[in-house]
Amino acid sequence: MKKTLIIGASPDSSRYAYKAAHMLTRFNHEIVNVGIKRGEVAGVEIENQGDVHSDIDTITLYIGPALQPQYYDYILDTKPKRVIFNPGTENFELEKLLDQHNIEPMRACTLVLLSTGQY
């Protein structure tokens, strides 16, 4: 299973990050929720950007390009195998930075990948 860090986690059930957290856990992927809102999603507390997790396979982004620069170092320090840019989060600058650090940038939808067995 692919341990996944969700950047932009939210306890708001109408948000796609919320839906992804629940679907990931339903498919038995361990999750780490990172966001600015307090609370929990899918039984996992939302933490602030801070402690770097060294065992992350995938980071899935649910924050727009304007907010992403503050996470660049955090993402690189986490050293995931890939970063999924969900619709609306595409960022050429970050994709290029990931390429330079041998991290696969992937423009996709986490929900679709899970639903179609391609995650």
N, C-alpha and C. Protein backbone atom coordinates (compact mmCIF):
# COMPACT_ATOMS: atom_id res chain seq x y z
N MET A 1 0.83 -1.18 0.00
CA MET A 1 0.00 0.00 0.00
C MET A 1 0.88 1.25 0.00
N LYS A 2 0.35 2.33 -0.51
CA LYS A 2 1.13 3.55 -0.70
C LYS A 2 0.75 4.59 0.35
N LYS A 3 1.65 4.80 1.32
CA LYS A 3 1.39 5.81 2.34
C LYS A 3 1.35 7.17 1.65
N THR A 4 0.27 7.90 1.89
CA THR A 4 -0.01 9.12 1.15
C THR A 4 -0.16 10.31 2.09
N LEU A 5 0.53 11.39 1.76
CA LEU A 5 0.43 12.65 2.49
C LEU A 5 -0.49 13.57 1.69
N ILE A 6 -1.53 14.03 2.33
CA ILE A 6 -2.51 14.92 1.69
C ILE A 6 -2.21 16.35 2.13
N ILE A 7 -1.77 17.18 1.19
CA ILE A 7 -1.53 18.59 1.50
C ILE A 7 -2.78 19.37 1.09
N GLY A 8 -3.38 20.02 2.08
CA GLY A 8 -4.64 20.73 1.88
C GLY A 8 -5.79 19.98 2.50
N ALA A 9 -5.47 19.09 3.44
CA ALA A 9 -6.52 18.31 4.12
C ALA A 9 -7.50 19.25 4.81
N SER A 10 -8.76 18.85 4.80
CA SER A 10 -9.81 19.68 5.38
C SER A 10 -10.89 18.80 6.00
N PRO A 11 -11.44 19.22 7.16
CA PRO A 11 -12.54 18.47 7.77
C PRO A 11 -13.89 18.75 7.11
N ASP A 12 -13.91 19.58 6.07
CA ASP A 12 -15.13 19.95 5.36
C ASP A 12 -15.48 18.83 4.36
N SER A 13 -16.59 18.16 4.59
CA SER A 13 -16.96 17.00 3.78
C SER A 13 -17.26 17.33 2.31
N SER A 14 -17.39 18.61 1.98
CA SER A 14 -17.64 18.98 0.58
C SER A 14 -16.34 19.14 -0.21
N ARG A 15 -15.21 19.08 0.46
CA ARG A 15 -13.91 19.28 -0.21
C ARG A 15 -13.38 17.96 -0.79
N TYR A 16 -12.70 18.06 -1.94
CA TYR A 16 -12.16 16.86 -2.57
C TYR A 16 -11.06 16.22 -1.72
N ALA A 17 -10.31 17.01 -0.98
CA ALA A 17 -9.28 16.44 -0.10
C ALA A 17 -9.91 15.53 0.95
N TYR A 18 -11.07 15.91 1.45
CA TYR A 18 -11.81 15.10 2.41
C TYR A 18 -12.23 13.78 1.76
N LYS A 19 -12.79 13.88 0.56
CA LYS A 19 -13.23 12.68 -0.16
C LYS A 19 -12.05 11.76 -0.45
N ALA A 20 -10.91 12.35 -0.84
CA ALA A 20 -9.72 11.55 -1.13
C ALA A 20 -9.22 10.83 0.12
N ALA A 21 -9.21 11.51 1.25
CA ALA A 21 -8.75 10.88 2.49
C ALA A 21 -9.59 9.65 2.81
N HIS A 22 -10.90 9.78 2.68
CA HIS A 22 -11.78 8.65 2.96
C HIS A 22 -11.60 7.52 1.95
N MET A 23 -11.44 7.88 0.68
CA MET A 23 -11.27 6.84 -0.34
C MET A 23 -9.91 6.14 -0.18
N LEU A 24 -8.88 6.90 0.12
CA LEU A 24 -7.56 6.29 0.34
C LEU A 24 -7.61 5.28 1.49
N THR A 25 -8.23 5.66 2.59
CA THR A 25 -8.30 4.73 3.72
C THR A 25 -9.20 3.53 3.39
N ARG A 26 -10.25 3.76 2.62
CA ARG A 26 -11.12 2.65 2.20
C ARG A 26 -10.35 1.64 1.35
N PHE A 27 -9.36 2.14 0.59
CA PHE A 27 -8.52 1.26 -0.23
C PHE A 27 -7.26 0.82 0.53
N ASN A 28 -7.27 1.01 1.85
CA ASN A 28 -6.20 0.54 2.75
C ASN A 28 -4.86 1.25 2.59
N HIS A 29 -4.88 2.50 2.13
CA HIS A 29 -3.67 3.30 2.08
C HIS A 29 -3.60 4.12 3.36
N GLU A 30 -2.47 4.07 4.04
CA GLU A 30 -2.29 4.90 5.23
C GLU A 30 -2.14 6.35 4.79
N ILE A 31 -2.72 7.28 5.56
CA ILE A 31 -2.65 8.69 5.18
C ILE A 31 -2.06 9.54 6.28
N VAL A 32 -1.51 10.67 5.86
CA VAL A 32 -1.08 11.75 6.75
C VAL A 32 -1.79 12.99 6.23
N ASN A 33 -2.52 13.67 7.08
CA ASN A 33 -3.25 14.89 6.71
C ASN A 33 -2.45 16.12 7.12
N VAL A 34 -2.18 16.99 6.17
CA VAL A 34 -1.50 18.25 6.45
C VAL A 34 -2.38 19.38 5.93
N GLY A 35 -2.64 20.35 6.79
CA GLY A 35 -3.47 21.46 6.38
C GLY A 35 -3.47 22.55 7.44
N ILE A 36 -4.24 23.59 7.19
CA ILE A 36 -4.28 24.71 8.13
C ILE A 36 -5.50 24.65 9.04
N LYS A 37 -6.47 23.83 8.68
CA LYS A 37 -7.68 23.71 9.50
C LYS A 37 -7.47 22.65 10.57
N ARG A 38 -8.02 22.88 11.73
CA ARG A 38 -7.97 21.91 12.83
C ARG A 38 -9.01 20.84 12.61
N GLY A 39 -8.77 19.67 13.15
CA GLY A 39 -9.73 18.61 13.09
C GLY A 39 -9.11 17.31 12.63
N GLU A 40 -9.97 16.42 12.19
CA GLU A 40 -9.49 15.14 11.67
C GLU A 40 -10.29 14.77 10.44
N VAL A 41 -9.67 13.91 9.64
CA VAL A 41 -10.32 13.41 8.44
C VAL A 41 -10.01 11.92 8.36
N ALA A 42 -11.04 11.13 8.16
CA ALA A 42 -10.90 9.68 8.04
C ALA A 42 -10.16 9.08 9.24
N GLY A 43 -10.41 9.66 10.42
CA GLY A 43 -9.81 9.15 11.64
C GLY A 43 -8.39 9.57 11.90
N VAL A 44 -7.86 10.49 11.07
CA VAL A 44 -6.47 10.94 11.20
C VAL A 44 -6.47 12.46 11.43
N GLU A 45 -5.79 12.88 12.49
CA GLU A 45 -5.71 14.31 12.80
C GLU A 45 -5.04 15.08 11.67
N ILE A 46 -5.47 16.32 11.48
CA ILE A 46 -4.82 17.22 10.52
C ILE A 46 -3.68 17.90 11.26
N GLU A 47 -2.50 17.77 10.72
CA GLU A 47 -1.33 18.41 11.33
C GLU A 47 -0.87 19.58 10.46
N ASN A 48 -0.14 20.48 11.08
CA ASN A 48 0.46 21.59 10.33
C ASN A 48 1.72 21.08 9.64
N GLN A 49 2.11 21.79 8.61
CA GLN A 49 3.39 21.50 7.97
C GLN A 49 4.45 21.62 9.05
N GLY A 50 5.29 20.67 9.18
CA GLY A 50 6.31 20.70 10.22
C GLY A 50 7.16 19.46 10.16
N ASP A 51 6.79 18.47 10.95
CA ASP A 51 7.56 17.24 10.97
C ASP A 51 7.56 16.60 9.59
N VAL A 52 8.77 16.26 9.13
CA VAL A 52 8.91 15.61 7.84
C VAL A 52 8.71 14.12 8.03
N HIS A 53 7.87 13.54 7.21
CA HIS A 53 7.63 12.10 7.25
C HIS A 53 8.55 11.45 6.22
N SER A 54 9.31 10.48 6.65
CA SER A 54 10.32 9.89 5.76
C SER A 54 9.81 8.64 5.04
N ASP A 55 8.58 8.23 5.28
CA ASP A 55 8.07 6.99 4.71
C ASP A 55 6.89 7.20 3.77
N ILE A 56 6.86 8.35 3.11
CA ILE A 56 5.75 8.70 2.23
C ILE A 56 6.04 8.25 0.80
N ASP A 57 5.10 7.54 0.21
CA ASP A 57 5.22 7.14 -1.18
C ASP A 57 4.71 8.24 -2.10
N THR A 58 3.54 8.80 -1.74
CA THR A 58 2.86 9.75 -2.61
C THR A 58 2.40 10.97 -1.82
N ILE A 59 2.57 12.14 -2.41
CA ILE A 59 1.95 13.36 -1.90
C ILE A 59 0.87 13.74 -2.90
N THR A 60 -0.33 14.01 -2.42
CA THR A 60 -1.40 14.47 -3.28
C THR A 60 -1.77 15.89 -2.87
N LEU A 61 -1.77 16.78 -3.85
CA LEU A 61 -1.97 18.21 -3.59
C LEU A 61 -3.41 18.65 -3.76
N TYR A 62 -3.90 19.38 -2.76
CA TYR A 62 -5.22 19.99 -2.81
C TYR A 62 -5.13 21.47 -2.44
N ILE A 63 -4.02 22.09 -2.79
CA ILE A 63 -3.86 23.54 -2.63
C ILE A 63 -3.40 24.11 -3.96
N GLY A 64 -3.84 25.31 -4.27
CA GLY A 64 -3.51 25.93 -5.54
C GLY A 64 -2.05 26.37 -5.63
N PRO A 65 -1.62 26.69 -6.84
CA PRO A 65 -0.24 27.09 -7.08
C PRO A 65 0.22 28.28 -6.24
N ALA A 66 -0.66 29.20 -5.91
CA ALA A 66 -0.27 30.38 -5.14
C ALA A 66 0.18 30.02 -3.73
N LEU A 67 -0.36 28.96 -3.16
CA LEU A 67 0.00 28.53 -1.81
C LEU A 67 1.13 27.50 -1.78
N GLN A 68 1.44 26.92 -2.90
CA GLN A 68 2.41 25.83 -2.93
C GLN A 68 3.85 26.21 -2.59
N PRO A 69 4.35 27.40 -2.97
CA PRO A 69 5.77 27.70 -2.67
C PRO A 69 6.15 27.52 -1.20
N GLN A 70 5.26 27.78 -0.28
CA GLN A 70 5.59 27.62 1.13
C GLN A 70 5.77 26.14 1.50
N TYR A 71 5.38 25.23 0.61
CA TYR A 71 5.52 23.79 0.86
C TYR A 71 6.66 23.16 0.06
N TYR A 72 7.33 23.90 -0.80
CA TYR A 72 8.37 23.31 -1.66
C TYR A 72 9.42 22.54 -0.85
N ASP A 73 10.02 23.18 0.13
CA ASP A 73 11.07 22.52 0.92
C ASP A 73 10.51 21.30 1.66
N TYR A 74 9.33 21.45 2.20
CA TYR A 74 8.68 20.35 2.92
C TYR A 74 8.48 19.15 2.00
N ILE A 75 8.00 19.40 0.80
CA ILE A 75 7.78 18.33 -0.17
C ILE A 75 9.10 17.67 -0.54
N LEU A 76 10.11 18.46 -0.85
CA LEU A 76 11.40 17.90 -1.23
C LEU A 76 12.04 17.13 -0.08
N ASP A 77 11.94 17.65 1.14
CA ASP A 77 12.50 16.98 2.31
C ASP A 77 11.79 15.66 2.61
N THR A 78 10.51 15.57 2.24
CA THR A 78 9.74 14.34 2.45
C THR A 78 10.22 13.23 1.52
N LYS A 79 10.73 13.60 0.36
CA LYS A 79 11.26 12.66 -0.63
C LYS A 79 10.25 11.59 -1.05
N PRO A 80 9.07 12.01 -1.49
CA PRO A 80 8.11 11.01 -1.98
C PRO A 80 8.56 10.46 -3.33
N LYS A 81 7.96 9.37 -3.76
CA LYS A 81 8.24 8.85 -5.09
C LYS A 81 7.53 9.69 -6.14
N ARG A 82 6.36 10.22 -5.78
CA ARG A 82 5.59 11.01 -6.74
C ARG A 82 4.73 12.05 -6.02
N VAL A 83 4.36 13.07 -6.78
CA VAL A 83 3.44 14.10 -6.30
C VAL A 83 2.32 14.19 -7.32
N ILE A 84 1.09 14.02 -6.83
CA ILE A 84 -0.08 14.11 -7.71
C ILE A 84 -0.62 15.54 -7.67
N PHE A 85 -0.69 16.14 -8.85
CA PHE A 85 -1.29 17.47 -9.02
C PHE A 85 -2.74 17.25 -9.43
N ASN A 86 -3.64 17.34 -8.46
CA ASN A 86 -5.06 17.19 -8.75
C ASN A 86 -5.53 18.39 -9.57
N PRO A 87 -6.65 18.27 -10.29
CA PRO A 87 -7.13 19.39 -11.11
C PRO A 87 -7.17 20.70 -10.33
N GLY A 88 -6.59 21.73 -10.94
CA GLY A 88 -6.53 23.06 -10.33
C GLY A 88 -5.26 23.31 -9.52
N THR A 89 -4.42 22.29 -9.36
CA THR A 89 -3.18 22.45 -8.58
C THR A 89 -1.94 22.43 -9.46
N GLU A 90 -2.11 22.33 -10.76
CA GLU A 90 -0.98 22.24 -11.68
C GLU A 90 -0.03 23.42 -11.49
N ASN A 91 1.27 23.13 -11.49
CA ASN A 91 2.27 24.16 -11.22
C ASN A 91 3.57 23.76 -11.91
N PHE A 92 3.84 24.38 -13.06
CA PHE A 92 5.03 24.03 -13.84
C PHE A 92 6.31 24.21 -13.03
N GLU A 93 6.40 25.27 -12.25
CA GLU A 93 7.61 25.53 -11.45
C GLU A 93 7.88 24.37 -10.48
N LEU A 94 6.86 23.92 -9.77
CA LEU A 94 7.05 22.81 -8.83
C LEU A 94 7.32 21.51 -9.58
N GLU A 95 6.65 21.29 -10.69
CA GLU A 95 6.89 20.07 -11.48
C GLU A 95 8.36 20.00 -11.91
N LYS A 96 8.90 21.12 -12.36
CA LYS A 96 10.30 21.17 -12.78
C LYS A 96 11.23 20.88 -11.59
N LEU A 97 10.93 21.46 -10.45
CA LEU A 97 11.71 21.24 -9.23
C LEU A 97 11.67 19.76 -8.83
N LEU A 98 10.52 19.14 -8.92
CA LEU A 98 10.41 17.72 -8.60
C LEU A 98 11.25 16.88 -9.55
N ASP A 99 11.18 17.18 -10.84
CA ASP A 99 11.99 16.47 -11.83
C ASP A 99 13.48 16.53 -11.48
N GLN A 100 13.93 17.71 -11.05
CA GLN A 100 15.33 17.89 -10.70
C GLN A 100 15.74 17.05 -9.48
N HIS A 101 14.76 16.63 -8.68
CA HIS A 101 15.04 15.84 -7.48
C HIS A 101 14.56 14.38 -7.64
N ASN A 102 14.36 13.98 -8.89
CA ASN A 102 13.96 12.60 -9.20
C ASN A 102 12.67 12.17 -8.50
N ILE A 103 11.74 13.10 -8.41
CA ILE A 103 10.40 12.83 -7.88
C ILE A 103 9.43 12.99 -9.05
N GLU A 104 8.59 12.01 -9.26
CA GLU A 104 7.68 12.03 -10.40
C GLU A 104 6.51 12.99 -10.18
N PRO A 105 6.39 14.04 -11.01
CA PRO A 105 5.19 14.87 -10.97
C PRO A 105 4.12 14.19 -11.81
N MET A 106 2.91 14.17 -11.32
CA MET A 106 1.84 13.48 -12.02
C MET A 106 0.58 14.33 -12.03
N ARG A 107 0.15 14.76 -13.21
CA ARG A 107 -1.10 15.51 -13.33
C ARG A 107 -2.22 14.48 -13.45
N ALA A 108 -2.99 14.36 -12.39
CA ALA A 108 -4.05 13.35 -12.35
C ALA A 108 -5.03 13.71 -11.25
N CYS A 109 -6.02 12.87 -11.09
CA CYS A 109 -6.99 13.03 -10.02
C CYS A 109 -6.90 11.79 -9.12
N THR A 110 -6.58 12.01 -7.87
CA THR A 110 -6.44 10.91 -6.93
C THR A 110 -7.71 10.05 -6.89
N LEU A 111 -8.87 10.68 -6.88
CA LEU A 111 -10.13 9.94 -6.83
C LEU A 111 -10.31 9.04 -8.05
N VAL A 112 -9.96 9.54 -9.22
CA VAL A 112 -10.08 8.75 -10.45
C VAL A 112 -9.06 7.61 -10.44
N LEU A 113 -7.83 7.90 -10.05
CA LEU A 113 -6.80 6.86 -9.99
C LEU A 113 -7.25 5.71 -9.08
N LEU A 114 -7.79 6.04 -7.92
CA LEU A 114 -8.26 5.01 -7.00
C LEU A 114 -9.45 4.25 -7.58
N SER A 115 -10.39 4.98 -8.16
CA SER A 115 -11.60 4.36 -8.70
C SER A 115 -11.31 3.40 -9.85
N THR A 116 -10.25 3.67 -10.60
CA THR A 116 -9.94 2.85 -11.78
C THR A 116 -8.82 1.86 -11.52
N GLY A 117 -8.36 1.75 -10.28
CA GLY A 117 -7.31 0.79 -9.95
C GLY A 117 -5.94 1.17 -10.45
N GLN A 118 -5.71 2.45 -10.75
CA GLN A 118 -4.42 2.90 -11.28
C GLN A 118 -3.56 3.59 -10.23
N TYR A 119 -4.02 3.63 -8.98
CA TYR A 119 -3.28 4.36 -7.95
C TYR A 119 -1.96 3.66 -7.66
